Amino acid sequence: MSRSYHVLVNDAAGPGADNHVPIQEIVDAFGRVGIDATVVAATARELPDAMRAAWKQGVDAIVVGGGDGTTNCAAGVAVDDEIVLGILPMGTFNHFAKDLGMPTDLSAAVDFLAAAEATSIDVGEVNGRIFVNNASVGVYPVMVSTRDEIRERHAWGKIRAAPVAIVHTLQRLPVHRLRLTLDDKPPVSVETPFLFVGNGLFDDHGQRLGRRTSLADHSLGVYVIATTSRWRLVLNAIKARFGGLRAAEQTQRQAVEALIVESDEPAIEIALDGEPTHLQVPLHFRSRAGGLRVLAAPRLES
């Protein structure tokens, strides 16, 4: 029996974006592998309702085309409504799709989805918000907000605006005083420019830094940078990139199932899968084991 997918492609509009949505190309690609696919363009605002409406039609999966921000939005809907989610990587970085083992070429990605099975993986949650890659406090959300301001001002793309945003962020390095409760351990106080909470643990072997070791280990990877010096922060990042986390002595790492982050600030800026927002403090993180069903290779399941 052939599969039926409903494909929703993010028609993001913005400075430096390529707004062309290749609907017919996607239809043809799925048709080539024998999958009946309805392909529709949808904005980020339209995506949740469009997913729910399509799922009620009895399709085998909802496939979402876009980047990590689009995936984050879709995953939140899929978890709540028990939707089987497929990813068509069409963003700038596509971190989540790569961790699923997906190629980023459109035709090859469709081949992957045609052979994939509905597989249970973990997601992270903070204050009721889902993240599939990571959540971070400090330099990263500030850098992303600054990058987006630069993009809007100059009509640049993400890659061009990012280096300028990094320099601006380091010049006014954000430092947070936080109290962290890791699982049931006593709270610890930290002063840090960067708190990173991964949906799963990230590999620490040099070239593989930034890739998950598993999407089904039922853990959050908590990483804290233990320096408030911008130069040590940069040096630590370089060491981590080329020598793995073991070479980055300023990085503290823990694997937990739950984390509470407290601060004297009433709300804090946080990036969820690369999208900055503000959440009320305290931040309650947890791993939702097997919370998301995705089209992937079954080897991802624990």
Protein backbone atom coordinates (compact mmCIF):
# COMPACT_ATOMS: atom_id res chain seq x y z
CA MET A 1 0.00 0.00 0.00
CA SER A 2 1.42 3.38 -0.98
CA ARG A 3 1.94 6.07 1.60
CA SER A 4 0.17 9.40 1.70
CA TYR A 5 2.01 12.48 2.97
CA HIS A 6 0.83 16.05 3.40
CA VAL A 7 3.77 18.39 2.83
CA LEU A 8 3.78 21.91 4.26
CA VAL A 9 6.63 24.10 3.03
CA ASN A 10 7.57 27.25 4.89
CA ASP A 11 7.25 30.18 2.49
CA ALA A 12 9.33 32.40 4.76
CA ALA A 13 9.69 35.97 3.62
CA GLY A 14 12.38 38.27 4.89
CA PRO A 15 15.65 40.05 4.18
CA GLY A 16 18.09 37.90 2.29
CA ALA A 17 15.65 34.98 1.99
CA ASP A 18 14.98 33.02 -1.16
CA ASN A 19 11.21 33.08 -1.19
CA HIS A 20 10.75 30.65 -4.06
CA VAL A 21 8.85 27.56 -2.86
CA PRO A 22 9.51 24.71 -5.35
CA ILE A 23 6.11 23.04 -4.97
CA GLN A 24 6.05 21.22 -8.31
CA GLU A 25 9.62 20.00 -7.83
CA ILE A 26 8.65 18.51 -4.45
CA VAL A 27 5.48 16.90 -5.88
CA ASP A 28 7.52 15.33 -8.69
CA ALA A 29 10.18 14.07 -6.26
CA PHE A 30 7.62 12.28 -4.10
CA GLY A 31 5.81 10.95 -7.17
CA ARG A 32 9.06 9.43 -8.41
CA VAL A 33 9.24 7.24 -5.28
CA GLY A 34 5.56 6.30 -5.38
CA ILE A 35 4.29 8.53 -2.58
CA ASP A 36 1.05 10.45 -2.93
CA ALA A 37 2.00 13.90 -1.64
CA THR A 38 -0.09 17.02 -1.38
CA VAL A 39 2.31 19.98 -1.20
CA VAL A 40 1.19 23.36 0.14
CA ALA A 41 3.07 26.53 1.10
CA ALA A 42 2.33 27.84 4.60
CA THR A 43 3.63 30.66 6.73
CA ALA A 44 4.88 30.04 10.26
CA ARG A 45 1.62 31.47 11.61
CA GLU A 46 -0.47 29.16 9.44
CA LEU A 47 1.59 26.04 10.12
CA PRO A 48 -0.02 24.74 13.37
CA ASP A 49 -3.62 24.87 12.10
CA ALA A 50 -2.59 23.51 8.70
CA MET A 51 -0.85 20.53 10.36
CA ARG A 52 -3.86 19.69 12.52
CA ALA A 53 -6.31 19.99 9.62
CA ALA A 54 -4.19 17.78 7.36
CA TRP A 55 -3.68 15.13 10.05
CA LYS A 56 -7.46 14.78 10.47
CA GLN A 57 -7.63 13.76 6.80
CA GLY A 58 -5.93 10.46 7.67
CA VAL A 59 -2.54 10.89 6.00
CA ASP A 60 0.41 8.74 7.11
CA ALA A 61 2.61 11.69 8.04
CA ILE A 62 2.87 15.46 7.96
CA VAL A 63 6.14 16.50 6.28
CA VAL A 64 7.37 20.02 6.99
CA GLY A 65 9.84 21.77 4.71
CA GLY A 66 12.03 24.44 6.29
CA GLY A 67 14.88 24.97 8.73
CA ASP A 68 15.32 24.34 12.43
CA GLY A 69 12.95 27.13 13.45
CA THR A 70 10.19 25.65 11.30
CA THR A 71 10.96 22.20 12.72
CA ASN A 72 10.67 23.57 16.26
CA CYS A 73 7.22 24.99 15.53
CA ALA A 74 6.06 21.77 13.87
CA ALA A 75 7.43 19.54 16.64
CA GLY A 76 5.46 21.42 19.29
CA VAL A 77 2.25 20.70 17.38
CA ALA A 78 3.23 17.09 16.59
CA VAL A 79 3.98 16.25 20.24
CA ASP A 80 0.66 17.64 21.50
CA ASP A 81 -1.46 16.10 18.73
CA GLU A 82 0.48 12.80 18.34
CA ILE A 83 1.25 13.55 14.69
CA VAL A 84 3.89 11.59 12.78
CA LEU A 85 6.30 14.27 11.57
CA GLY A 86 8.65 14.20 8.61
CA ILE A 87 11.32 16.81 7.91
CA LEU A 88 12.29 18.15 4.51
CA PRO A 89 15.51 20.13 5.14
CA MET A 90 15.22 23.48 3.37
CA GLY A 91 16.79 25.87 5.88
CA THR A 92 20.20 27.44 6.36
CA PHE A 93 21.70 24.89 8.77
CA ASN A 94 19.23 21.97 9.16
CA HIS A 95 20.85 20.66 12.35
CA PHE A 96 17.94 18.43 13.35
CA ALA A 97 17.58 16.86 9.91
CA LYS A 98 21.30 16.09 9.85
CA ASP A 99 21.08 14.43 13.27
CA LEU A 100 18.32 12.23 11.85
CA GLY A 101 20.84 11.18 9.20
CA MET A 102 19.02 12.98 6.41
CA PRO A 103 20.80 14.32 3.32
CA THR A 104 20.07 17.95 2.53
CA ASP A 105 19.67 17.47 -1.23
CA LEU A 106 15.95 17.57 -2.02
CA SER A 107 15.82 14.39 -4.11
CA ALA A 108 17.95 12.42 -1.65
CA ALA A 109 15.87 13.68 1.29
CA VAL A 110 12.69 12.47 -0.39
CA ASP A 111 14.34 9.05 -0.92
CA PHE A 112 15.14 9.03 2.80
CA LEU A 113 11.53 9.85 3.74
CA ALA A 114 10.22 7.15 1.41
CA ALA A 115 12.28 4.50 3.21
CA ALA A 116 11.86 5.89 6.74
CA GLU A 117 9.62 4.55 9.48
CA ALA A 118 7.74 6.30 12.27
CA THR A 119 10.28 6.32 15.09
CA SER A 120 10.04 7.60 18.67
CA ILE A 121 12.67 10.13 19.75
CA ASP A 122 13.09 12.45 22.71
CA VAL A 123 12.35 16.15 22.83
CA GLY A 124 13.30 18.75 25.38
CA GLU A 125 10.76 20.94 27.10
CA VAL A 126 11.10 24.21 29.02
CA ASN A 127 8.11 25.92 30.62
CA GLY A 128 5.80 24.03 28.28
CA ARG A 129 7.78 24.91 25.13
CA ILE A 130 9.31 22.14 23.02
CA PHE A 131 12.83 22.12 21.57
CA VAL A 132 14.32 19.42 19.34
CA ASN A 133 17.92 20.64 19.23
CA ASN A 134 18.77 22.89 22.15
CA ALA A 135 17.87 25.82 24.33
CA SER A 136 20.44 28.43 25.34
CA VAL A 137 20.77 31.48 27.56
CA GLY A 138 23.40 34.21 27.21
CA VAL A 139 25.55 34.97 24.20
CA TYR A 140 23.67 32.88 21.65
CA PRO A 141 20.16 34.38 21.90
CA VAL A 142 21.71 37.86 22.06
CA MET A 143 23.79 37.10 18.97
CA VAL A 144 20.74 35.80 17.08
CA SER A 145 18.65 38.86 17.99
CA THR A 146 21.52 41.13 16.92
CA ARG A 147 21.98 39.16 13.69
CA ASP A 148 18.30 39.52 12.84
CA GLU A 149 18.45 43.28 13.48
CA ILE A 150 21.44 43.53 11.13
CA ARG A 151 19.63 41.46 8.49
CA GLU A 152 16.60 43.71 8.66
CA ARG A 153 18.70 46.87 8.51
CA HIS A 154 20.93 45.80 5.59
CA ALA A 155 18.80 43.14 3.85
CA TRP A 156 21.58 40.57 4.41
CA GLY A 157 21.35 36.80 4.71
CA LYS A 158 22.06 34.92 7.94
CA ILE A 159 25.57 33.83 7.04
CA ARG A 160 26.70 37.33 6.07
CA ALA A 161 25.18 38.96 9.16
CA ALA A 162 26.41 36.39 11.72
CA PRO A 163 30.11 37.47 12.01
CA VAL A 164 29.13 41.10 12.57
CA ALA A 165 26.60 40.02 15.20
CA ILE A 166 29.21 37.91 16.99
CA VAL A 167 31.58 40.88 17.27
CA HIS A 168 28.80 43.13 18.60
CA THR A 169 27.74 40.49 21.15
CA LEU A 170 31.29 39.97 22.45
CA GLN A 171 31.70 43.72 22.88
CA ARG A 172 28.79 43.77 25.35
CA LEU A 173 29.11 40.25 26.71
CA PRO A 174 25.92 39.22 28.54
CA VAL A 175 26.59 37.54 31.89
CA HIS A 176 23.86 35.87 33.95
CA ARG A 177 23.88 34.92 37.63
CA LEU A 178 21.88 31.70 37.82
CA ARG A 179 20.98 29.00 40.31
CA LEU A 180 20.85 25.54 38.75
CA THR A 181 19.10 22.53 40.23
CA LEU A 182 20.21 19.40 38.36
CA ASP A 183 17.74 16.56 38.96
CA ASP A 184 17.42 16.18 42.75
CA LYS A 185 20.84 17.63 43.65
CA PRO A 186 21.24 20.79 45.79
CA PRO A 187 21.15 24.07 43.81
CA VAL A 188 24.45 25.51 42.61
CA SER A 189 25.13 29.17 41.78
CA VAL A 190 26.91 30.05 38.54
CA GLU A 191 27.96 33.23 36.79
CA THR A 192 28.09 32.54 33.09
CA PRO A 193 27.77 34.10 29.64
CA PHE A 194 26.47 30.85 28.16
CA LEU A 195 24.14 28.11 29.39
CA PHE A 196 23.34 25.46 26.80
CA VAL A 197 20.75 22.71 27.30
CA GLY A 198 20.74 20.05 24.62
CA ASN A 199 17.99 17.62 23.74
CA GLY A 200 20.38 14.75 24.35
CA LEU A 201 24.14 14.69 24.76
CA PHE A 202 26.45 16.16 22.17
CA ASP A 203 29.59 14.39 21.00
CA ASP A 204 32.90 15.84 22.15
CA HIS A 205 35.31 14.43 19.59
CA GLY A 206 36.73 17.43 17.73
CA GLN A 207 35.22 17.51 14.28
CA ARG A 208 31.94 16.02 15.53
CA LEU A 209 31.31 18.74 18.09
CA GLY A 210 27.71 19.87 17.77
CA ARG A 211 26.28 16.48 16.73
CA ARG A 212 24.12 14.36 19.02
CA THR A 213 25.35 10.97 20.14
CA SER A 214 21.70 9.87 20.37
CA LEU A 215 18.20 11.22 19.95
CA ALA A 216 16.78 8.64 22.35
CA ASP A 217 19.01 8.62 25.44
CA HIS A 218 16.28 10.26 27.59
CA SER A 219 18.72 12.92 28.83
CA LEU A 220 19.33 16.63 28.66
CA GLY A 221 22.92 17.69 28.10
CA VAL A 222 23.63 20.72 30.30
CA TYR A 223 26.72 22.77 29.38
CA VAL A 224 27.89 25.81 31.33
CA ILE A 225 30.78 28.10 30.38
CA ALA A 226 32.63 28.90 33.62
CA THR A 227 34.30 32.16 32.60
CA THR A 228 33.10 35.74 32.27
CA SER A 229 36.08 36.83 30.16
CA ARG A 230 35.26 37.36 26.50
CA TRP A 231 38.76 36.29 25.43
CA ARG A 232 38.63 33.08 27.47
CA LEU A 233 35.19 32.46 26.04
CA VAL A 234 36.55 32.73 22.49
CA LEU A 235 39.59 30.58 23.34
CA ASN A 236 37.33 27.98 24.93
CA ALA A 237 35.18 27.85 21.78
CA ILE A 238 38.25 27.36 19.59
CA LYS A 239 39.54 24.55 21.81
CA ALA A 240 36.14 22.86 21.80
CA ARG A 241 35.89 23.11 18.01
CA PHE A 242 39.27 21.54 17.32
CA GLY A 243 39.89 19.39 20.39
CA GLY A 244 36.45 18.42 21.67
CA LEU A 245 34.90 19.35 24.99
CA ARG A 246 37.64 17.61 26.94
CA ALA A 247 40.06 20.25 25.64
CA ALA A 248 37.70 23.09 26.57
CA GLU A 249 38.48 23.35 30.27
CA GLN A 250 36.01 26.22 30.80
CA THR A 251 33.05 24.01 29.79
CA GLN A 252 31.23 22.07 32.50
CA ARG A 253 28.98 19.26 31.29
CA GLN A 254 26.26 17.20 33.01
CA ALA A 255 23.65 14.70 31.82
CA VAL A 256 20.30 15.11 33.59
CA GLU A 257 16.64 14.31 33.18
CA ALA A 258 15.45 17.63 34.60
CA LEU A 259 16.86 21.08 35.31
CA ILE A 260 15.52 24.16 37.11
CA VAL A 261 17.12 27.53 36.33
CA GLU A 262 16.47 30.37 38.76
CA SER A 263 17.54 33.99 38.51
CA ASP A 264 16.86 37.35 40.10
CA GLU A 265 15.57 38.43 36.69
CA PRO A 266 11.77 38.05 36.28
CA ALA A 267 12.19 36.88 32.67
CA ILE A 268 15.15 35.80 30.60
CA GLU A 269 16.00 35.76 26.91
CA ILE A 270 16.39 32.23 25.61
CA ALA A 271 16.91 30.71 22.17
CA LEU A 272 14.84 27.61 21.36
CA ASP A 273 16.28 25.81 18.34
CA GLY A 274 17.85 29.08 17.28
CA GLU A 275 14.74 31.22 17.71
CA PRO A 276 15.03 33.87 20.48
CA THR A 277 12.16 34.50 22.86
CA HIS A 278 11.61 35.52 26.51
CA LEU A 279 10.37 33.12 29.19
CA GLN A 280 9.39 33.72 32.79
CA VAL A 281 11.84 32.56 35.46
CA PRO A 282 12.23 29.94 36.89
CA LEU A 283 12.89 27.83 33.81
CA HIS A 284 11.76 24.23 34.25
CA PHE A 285 13.51 21.91 31.80
CA ARG A 286 12.77 18.22 31.31
CA SER A 287 13.39 15.47 28.80
CA ARG A 288 10.21 14.05 27.27
CA ALA A 289 11.40 10.55 26.49
CA GLY A 290 9.97 9.24 23.21
CA GLY A 291 7.73 12.29 23.00
CA LEU A 292 7.96 12.82 19.24
CA ARG A 293 7.24 10.43 16.38
CA VAL A 294 9.35 11.24 13.33
CA LEU A 295 10.06 9.63 9.99
CA ALA A 296 13.57 8.32 10.51
CA ALA A 297 15.74 5.22 10.49
CA PRO A 298 14.51 2.85 13.24
CA ARG A 299 18.08 2.59 14.61
CA LEU A 300 17.47 5.95 16.34
CA GLU A 301 15.17 4.29 18.86
CA SER A 302 16.73 3.08 22.11
